[in-house]
N, C-alpha and C. Protein backbone atom coordinates (compact mmCIF):
# COMPACT_ATOMS: atom_id res chain seq x y z
N MET A 1 122.13 105.32 115.25
CA MET A 1 122.35 104.04 114.61
C MET A 1 123.25 103.19 115.53
N VAL A 2 122.92 101.90 115.59
CA VAL A 2 123.69 100.97 116.44
C VAL A 2 124.29 99.91 115.53
N ILE A 3 125.57 99.61 115.75
CA ILE A 3 126.21 98.54 114.96
C ILE A 3 126.63 97.45 115.99
N ILE A 4 126.14 96.20 115.71
CA ILE A 4 126.56 95.06 116.51
C ILE A 4 127.31 94.09 115.54
N ASN A 5 128.57 93.89 115.87
CA ASN A 5 129.39 93.00 115.02
C ASN A 5 130.59 92.57 115.79
N LEU A 6 131.19 91.44 115.44
CA LEU A 6 132.40 90.98 116.11
C LEU A 6 133.61 91.75 115.69
N GLN A 7 133.62 92.25 114.48
CA GLN A 7 134.75 92.97 113.97
C GLN A 7 134.43 94.42 113.65
N ALA A 8 135.48 95.23 113.53
CA ALA A 8 135.28 96.61 113.15
C ALA A 8 134.65 96.68 111.72
N THR A 9 133.87 97.71 111.47
CA THR A 9 133.28 97.90 110.16
C THR A 9 133.66 99.30 109.67
N PRO A 10 133.52 99.55 108.35
CA PRO A 10 133.82 100.85 107.82
C PRO A 10 132.89 101.92 108.36
N ASP A 11 131.72 101.58 108.90
CA ASP A 11 130.76 102.52 109.38
C ASP A 11 130.81 102.77 110.89
N ASP A 12 131.77 102.20 111.57
CA ASP A 12 131.84 102.37 113.01
C ASP A 12 131.85 103.81 113.46
N ASN A 13 132.50 104.72 112.66
CA ASN A 13 132.55 106.12 113.05
C ASN A 13 131.25 106.82 112.83
N LYS A 14 130.30 106.26 112.18
CA LYS A 14 128.98 106.86 111.87
C LYS A 14 127.95 106.54 112.89
N CYS A 15 128.16 105.52 113.72
CA CYS A 15 127.10 105.01 114.62
C CYS A 15 127.09 105.75 115.89
N ASP A 16 125.92 105.70 116.57
CA ASP A 16 125.73 106.30 117.86
C ASP A 16 126.21 105.33 118.98
N LEU A 17 126.11 104.05 118.71
CA LEU A 17 126.50 103.04 119.72
C LEU A 17 127.11 101.87 118.96
N ARG A 18 128.28 101.46 119.44
CA ARG A 18 129.00 100.34 118.79
C ARG A 18 129.16 99.23 119.81
N ILE A 19 128.64 98.05 119.46
CA ILE A 19 128.74 96.86 120.31
C ILE A 19 129.49 95.79 119.65
N PHE A 20 130.60 95.36 120.25
CA PHE A 20 131.37 94.27 119.65
C PHE A 20 130.84 92.96 120.29
N GLY A 21 130.11 92.22 119.49
CA GLY A 21 129.55 90.94 120.00
C GLY A 21 128.70 90.28 118.92
N LYS A 22 128.03 89.22 119.30
CA LYS A 22 127.16 88.48 118.36
C LYS A 22 125.77 89.04 118.56
N CYS A 23 125.11 89.22 117.42
CA CYS A 23 123.72 89.79 117.47
C CYS A 23 122.79 88.93 118.34
N ASP A 24 122.85 87.64 118.16
CA ASP A 24 121.91 86.78 118.93
C ASP A 24 122.09 87.00 120.39
N ALA A 25 123.29 87.01 120.87
CA ALA A 25 123.55 87.16 122.30
C ALA A 25 123.15 88.53 122.81
N VAL A 26 123.36 89.60 122.01
CA VAL A 26 123.01 90.94 122.37
C VAL A 26 121.52 91.05 122.51
N PHE A 27 120.81 90.62 121.45
CA PHE A 27 119.37 90.70 121.46
C PHE A 27 118.72 89.85 122.52
N LYS A 28 119.26 88.67 122.81
CA LYS A 28 118.77 87.82 123.88
C LYS A 28 118.84 88.54 125.19
N GLU A 29 119.93 89.23 125.45
CA GLU A 29 120.09 89.99 126.63
C GLU A 29 119.16 91.19 126.73
N LEU A 30 119.01 91.89 125.61
CA LEU A 30 118.08 93.02 125.58
C LEU A 30 116.61 92.55 125.88
N LEU A 31 116.21 91.46 125.26
CA LEU A 31 114.88 90.92 125.50
C LEU A 31 114.73 90.53 126.95
N SER A 32 115.69 89.95 127.59
CA SER A 32 115.60 89.62 128.99
C SER A 32 115.53 90.88 129.89
N ILE A 33 116.31 91.90 129.51
CA ILE A 33 116.24 93.14 130.29
C ILE A 33 114.87 93.80 130.24
N PHE A 34 114.23 93.80 129.07
CA PHE A 34 112.86 94.38 128.92
C PHE A 34 111.80 93.37 129.16
N ASN A 35 112.19 92.19 129.65
CA ASN A 35 111.21 91.12 130.00
C ASN A 35 110.26 90.82 128.84
N LEU A 36 110.85 90.65 127.63
CA LEU A 36 110.04 90.28 126.42
C LEU A 36 110.35 88.88 126.05
N PRO A 37 109.35 88.16 125.49
CA PRO A 37 109.61 86.79 125.10
C PRO A 37 110.46 86.69 123.81
N ILE A 38 111.17 85.61 123.65
CA ILE A 38 111.92 85.31 122.42
C ILE A 38 110.92 84.63 121.52
N LEU A 39 110.62 85.22 120.41
CA LEU A 39 109.64 84.64 119.49
C LEU A 39 110.28 83.69 118.48
N GLU A 40 109.55 82.75 118.02
CA GLU A 40 110.00 81.91 116.93
C GLU A 40 110.16 82.68 115.69
N PRO A 41 111.24 82.42 114.91
CA PRO A 41 111.37 83.14 113.66
C PRO A 41 110.21 82.77 112.69
N PRO A 42 109.83 83.70 111.79
CA PRO A 42 108.70 83.35 110.88
C PRO A 42 109.14 82.22 109.92
N ILE A 43 108.14 81.54 109.44
CA ILE A 43 108.42 80.51 108.42
C ILE A 43 108.76 81.20 107.15
N TRP A 44 109.82 80.79 106.52
CA TRP A 44 110.31 81.47 105.32
C TRP A 44 110.83 80.50 104.29
N TYR A 45 110.51 80.76 103.08
CA TYR A 45 110.99 80.00 101.94
C TYR A 45 111.73 80.94 100.97
N PRO A 46 112.95 80.58 100.53
CA PRO A 46 113.60 81.38 99.50
C PRO A 46 112.83 81.32 98.18
N ARG A 47 112.93 82.37 97.41
CA ARG A 47 112.19 82.44 96.12
C ARG A 47 112.67 81.37 95.19
N ASP A 48 114.00 81.07 95.27
CA ASP A 48 114.60 80.09 94.29
C ASP A 48 114.64 78.71 94.87
N ARG A 49 113.81 78.42 95.86
CA ARG A 49 113.79 77.09 96.51
C ARG A 49 113.42 76.00 95.54
N LYS A 50 114.15 74.90 95.62
CA LYS A 50 113.88 73.75 94.73
C LYS A 50 113.24 72.63 95.61
N LYS A 51 112.41 71.85 94.90
CA LYS A 51 111.94 70.64 95.60
C LYS A 51 113.03 69.66 95.74
N ILE A 52 112.94 68.81 96.71
CA ILE A 52 113.99 67.84 97.00
C ILE A 52 114.28 66.98 95.74
N LYS A 53 113.23 66.54 95.08
CA LYS A 53 113.41 65.70 93.91
C LYS A 53 114.13 66.40 92.73
N ASP A 54 114.11 67.74 92.77
CA ASP A 54 114.76 68.52 91.71
C ASP A 54 116.20 68.90 91.99
N ILE A 55 116.70 68.50 93.13
CA ILE A 55 118.08 68.77 93.47
C ILE A 55 118.97 67.87 92.60
N PRO A 56 119.94 68.44 91.91
CA PRO A 56 120.79 67.60 91.03
C PRO A 56 121.51 66.51 91.77
N SER A 57 121.76 65.41 91.07
CA SER A 57 122.36 64.23 91.72
C SER A 57 123.77 64.42 92.16
N TYR A 58 124.44 65.44 91.60
CA TYR A 58 125.88 65.65 91.93
C TYR A 58 126.02 66.36 93.28
N VAL A 59 124.88 66.85 93.88
CA VAL A 59 124.95 67.49 95.18
C VAL A 59 125.20 66.45 96.27
N ASP A 60 126.06 66.75 97.17
CA ASP A 60 126.46 65.84 98.24
C ASP A 60 125.20 65.40 99.01
N PRO A 61 125.07 64.12 99.26
CA PRO A 61 123.93 63.63 99.99
C PRO A 61 123.70 64.27 101.37
N TYR A 62 124.78 64.74 101.99
CA TYR A 62 124.67 65.42 103.29
C TYR A 62 123.78 66.64 103.16
N TYR A 63 123.92 67.40 102.04
CA TYR A 63 123.12 68.60 101.88
C TYR A 63 121.69 68.25 101.49
N ILE A 64 121.48 67.14 100.75
CA ILE A 64 120.15 66.70 100.39
C ILE A 64 119.40 66.34 101.67
N GLU A 65 120.11 65.58 102.56
CA GLU A 65 119.48 65.20 103.83
C GLU A 65 119.14 66.44 104.67
N ALA A 66 120.07 67.39 104.67
CA ALA A 66 119.84 68.63 105.41
C ALA A 66 118.58 69.34 104.89
N ALA A 67 118.44 69.37 103.55
CA ALA A 67 117.30 70.01 102.94
C ALA A 67 116.01 69.27 103.31
N LYS A 68 116.06 67.93 103.35
CA LYS A 68 114.87 67.07 103.75
C LYS A 68 114.47 67.42 105.20
N ARG A 69 115.53 67.50 106.12
CA ARG A 69 115.20 67.86 107.48
C ARG A 69 114.60 69.23 107.59
N LEU A 70 115.13 70.16 106.86
CA LEU A 70 114.56 71.53 106.87
C LEU A 70 113.12 71.51 106.44
N ASP A 71 112.85 70.79 105.34
CA ASP A 71 111.45 70.66 104.86
C ASP A 71 110.51 70.05 105.89
N GLN A 72 110.99 69.04 106.56
CA GLN A 72 110.18 68.35 107.61
C GLN A 72 109.94 69.34 108.75
N TYR A 73 110.99 70.02 109.17
CA TYR A 73 110.91 70.98 110.28
C TYR A 73 109.87 72.11 109.90
N THR A 74 109.98 72.61 108.71
CA THR A 74 109.16 73.69 108.24
C THR A 74 107.70 73.27 108.17
N ALA A 75 107.51 72.07 107.64
CA ALA A 75 106.12 71.50 107.51
C ALA A 75 105.54 71.34 108.93
N GLN A 76 106.31 70.88 109.88
CA GLN A 76 105.81 70.72 111.27
C GLN A 76 105.44 72.06 111.86
N ARG A 77 106.35 73.06 111.64
CA ARG A 77 106.03 74.42 112.14
C ARG A 77 104.77 74.97 111.55
N GLU A 78 104.57 74.78 110.24
CA GLU A 78 103.36 75.25 109.60
C GLU A 78 102.13 74.61 110.21
N GLU A 79 102.23 73.30 110.44
CA GLU A 79 101.11 72.56 111.04
C GLU A 79 100.83 73.09 112.41
N ASP A 80 101.89 73.27 113.20
CA ASP A 80 101.73 73.83 114.58
C ASP A 80 101.11 75.21 114.54
N GLN A 81 101.57 76.00 113.59
CA GLN A 81 101.05 77.37 113.50
C GLN A 81 99.54 77.37 113.15
N LYS A 82 99.15 76.48 112.28
CA LYS A 82 97.72 76.39 111.92
C LYS A 82 96.90 75.97 113.15
N LYS A 83 97.40 75.03 113.95
CA LYS A 83 96.73 74.59 115.18
C LYS A 83 96.57 75.76 116.12
N ILE A 84 97.66 76.55 116.29
CA ILE A 84 97.57 77.67 117.18
C ILE A 84 96.58 78.68 116.69
N GLN A 85 96.58 79.01 115.40
CA GLN A 85 95.62 79.95 114.85
C GLN A 85 94.18 79.44 115.03
N LYS A 86 93.96 78.15 114.85
CA LYS A 86 92.65 77.60 115.05
C LYS A 86 92.20 77.71 116.47
N GLU A 87 93.12 77.39 117.37
CA GLU A 87 92.81 77.45 118.81
C GLU A 87 92.54 78.93 119.22
N THR A 88 93.35 79.84 118.71
CA THR A 88 93.13 81.27 119.02
C THR A 88 91.81 81.71 118.53
N ALA A 89 91.37 81.30 117.33
CA ALA A 89 90.08 81.69 116.79
C ALA A 89 88.99 81.13 117.61
N ARG A 90 89.16 79.85 118.10
CA ARG A 90 88.10 79.19 118.89
C ARG A 90 87.98 79.94 120.23
N ARG A 91 89.10 80.29 120.84
CA ARG A 91 89.00 81.03 122.10
C ARG A 91 88.37 82.39 121.95
N ALA A 92 88.70 83.09 120.83
CA ALA A 92 88.13 84.41 120.55
C ALA A 92 86.61 84.27 120.42
N LYS A 93 86.17 83.23 119.76
CA LYS A 93 84.75 82.97 119.54
C LYS A 93 84.03 82.69 120.85
N GLU A 94 84.68 81.90 121.71
CA GLU A 94 84.16 81.57 123.03
C GLU A 94 84.00 82.86 123.86
N LYS A 95 85.09 83.67 123.82
CA LYS A 95 85.08 84.93 124.60
C LYS A 95 83.97 85.83 124.14
N LYS A 96 83.79 85.95 122.84
CA LYS A 96 82.77 86.82 122.28
C LYS A 96 81.40 86.34 122.76
N LYS A 97 81.20 84.97 122.75
CA LYS A 97 79.93 84.40 123.19
C LYS A 97 79.71 84.70 124.69
N ALA A 98 80.75 84.53 125.46
CA ALA A 98 80.69 84.75 126.92
C ALA A 98 80.38 86.23 127.17
N ASP A 99 81.03 87.12 126.44
CA ASP A 99 80.78 88.59 126.60
C ASP A 99 79.37 88.92 126.25
N LYS A 100 78.83 88.32 125.23
CA LYS A 100 77.45 88.58 124.79
C LYS A 100 76.48 88.11 125.89
N GLN A 101 76.74 86.93 126.43
CA GLN A 101 75.89 86.40 127.49
C GLN A 101 75.95 87.32 128.78
N HIS A 102 77.16 87.79 129.04
CA HIS A 102 77.34 88.67 130.23
C HIS A 102 76.60 89.94 129.98
N THR A 103 76.64 90.50 128.76
CA THR A 103 75.95 91.75 128.47
C THR A 103 74.48 91.53 128.56
N LYS A 104 73.93 90.38 128.11
CA LYS A 104 72.50 90.09 128.26
C LYS A 104 72.10 90.05 129.73
N GLN A 105 72.98 89.41 130.52
CA GLN A 105 72.69 89.26 131.95
C GLN A 105 72.67 90.63 132.59
N LEU A 106 73.60 91.47 132.26
CA LEU A 106 73.63 92.84 132.83
C LEU A 106 72.41 93.68 132.40
N LEU A 107 71.96 93.52 131.15
CA LEU A 107 70.82 94.25 130.72
C LEU A 107 69.56 93.73 131.42
N ALA A 108 69.49 92.40 131.60
CA ALA A 108 68.33 91.81 132.34
C ALA A 108 68.27 92.34 133.77
N GLU A 109 69.46 92.39 134.43
CA GLU A 109 69.50 92.88 135.80
C GLU A 109 69.11 94.35 135.85
N ALA A 110 69.59 95.14 134.84
CA ALA A 110 69.22 96.55 134.86
C ALA A 110 67.75 96.76 134.63
N LYS A 111 67.17 95.92 133.78
CA LYS A 111 65.72 95.98 133.54
C LYS A 111 64.92 95.68 134.81
N LYS A 112 65.37 94.61 135.52
CA LYS A 112 64.72 94.27 136.74
C LYS A 112 64.81 95.38 137.78
N GLU A 113 65.99 95.96 137.86
CA GLU A 113 66.20 97.05 138.82
C GLU A 113 65.30 98.26 138.47
N LYS A 114 65.21 98.55 137.21
CA LYS A 114 64.36 99.69 136.77
C LYS A 114 62.93 99.37 137.10
N SER A 115 62.49 98.11 136.82
CA SER A 115 61.10 97.72 137.13
C SER A 115 60.83 97.80 138.62
N ARG A 116 61.81 97.36 139.45
CA ARG A 116 61.66 97.38 140.91
C ARG A 116 61.49 98.85 141.37
N LYS A 117 62.32 99.72 140.82
CA LYS A 117 62.26 101.15 141.26
C LYS A 117 60.93 101.75 140.83
N GLU A 118 60.42 101.42 139.67
CA GLU A 118 59.15 101.93 139.22
C GLU A 118 58.03 101.46 140.07
N ASN A 119 58.08 100.24 140.58
CA ASN A 119 57.04 99.70 141.47
C ASN A 119 57.06 100.35 142.81
N LEU A 120 58.24 100.84 143.22
CA LEU A 120 58.32 101.52 144.53
C LEU A 120 57.61 102.86 144.51
N TYR A 121 57.55 103.52 143.39
CA TYR A 121 56.92 104.85 143.32
C TYR A 121 55.53 104.75 142.83
C-alpha cells in the first residue's frame, strides 16, 4: 500500500511506501516517467446536483456563477466527447472498408497466381 499525503496519517505505519507530497504532482511525475499521457478526467455529475434555476436565492451569486461556468464547461466537454466518438467510429468504419478492399485485392492476386501456375503445367 502506498500513501501520498502532505501530512502524517494514522496509517503511515501500515504502508509499504510513504510519499509526503501532493497527489497531482506525484502522479504527474509518475506518468512522465512511464511516458503515459495525462487523460482528461471523466465527466461527472453529483447525484444531488441541482439545476441552476433551483438554487435558492440566498446562495451567494459568486457560487451561482461558478455553477453556471461549471455547467457550460461540462456541456462543452460532452459535446467535444461526442464529436471524438463520432470521428473515432467514422475512422473505424473507413479502416474496416479499407481492410476489406485490401483482402479482396489479395484474394484476387492469389487467384491470378494460382491460375498462372495452373496454366504453366
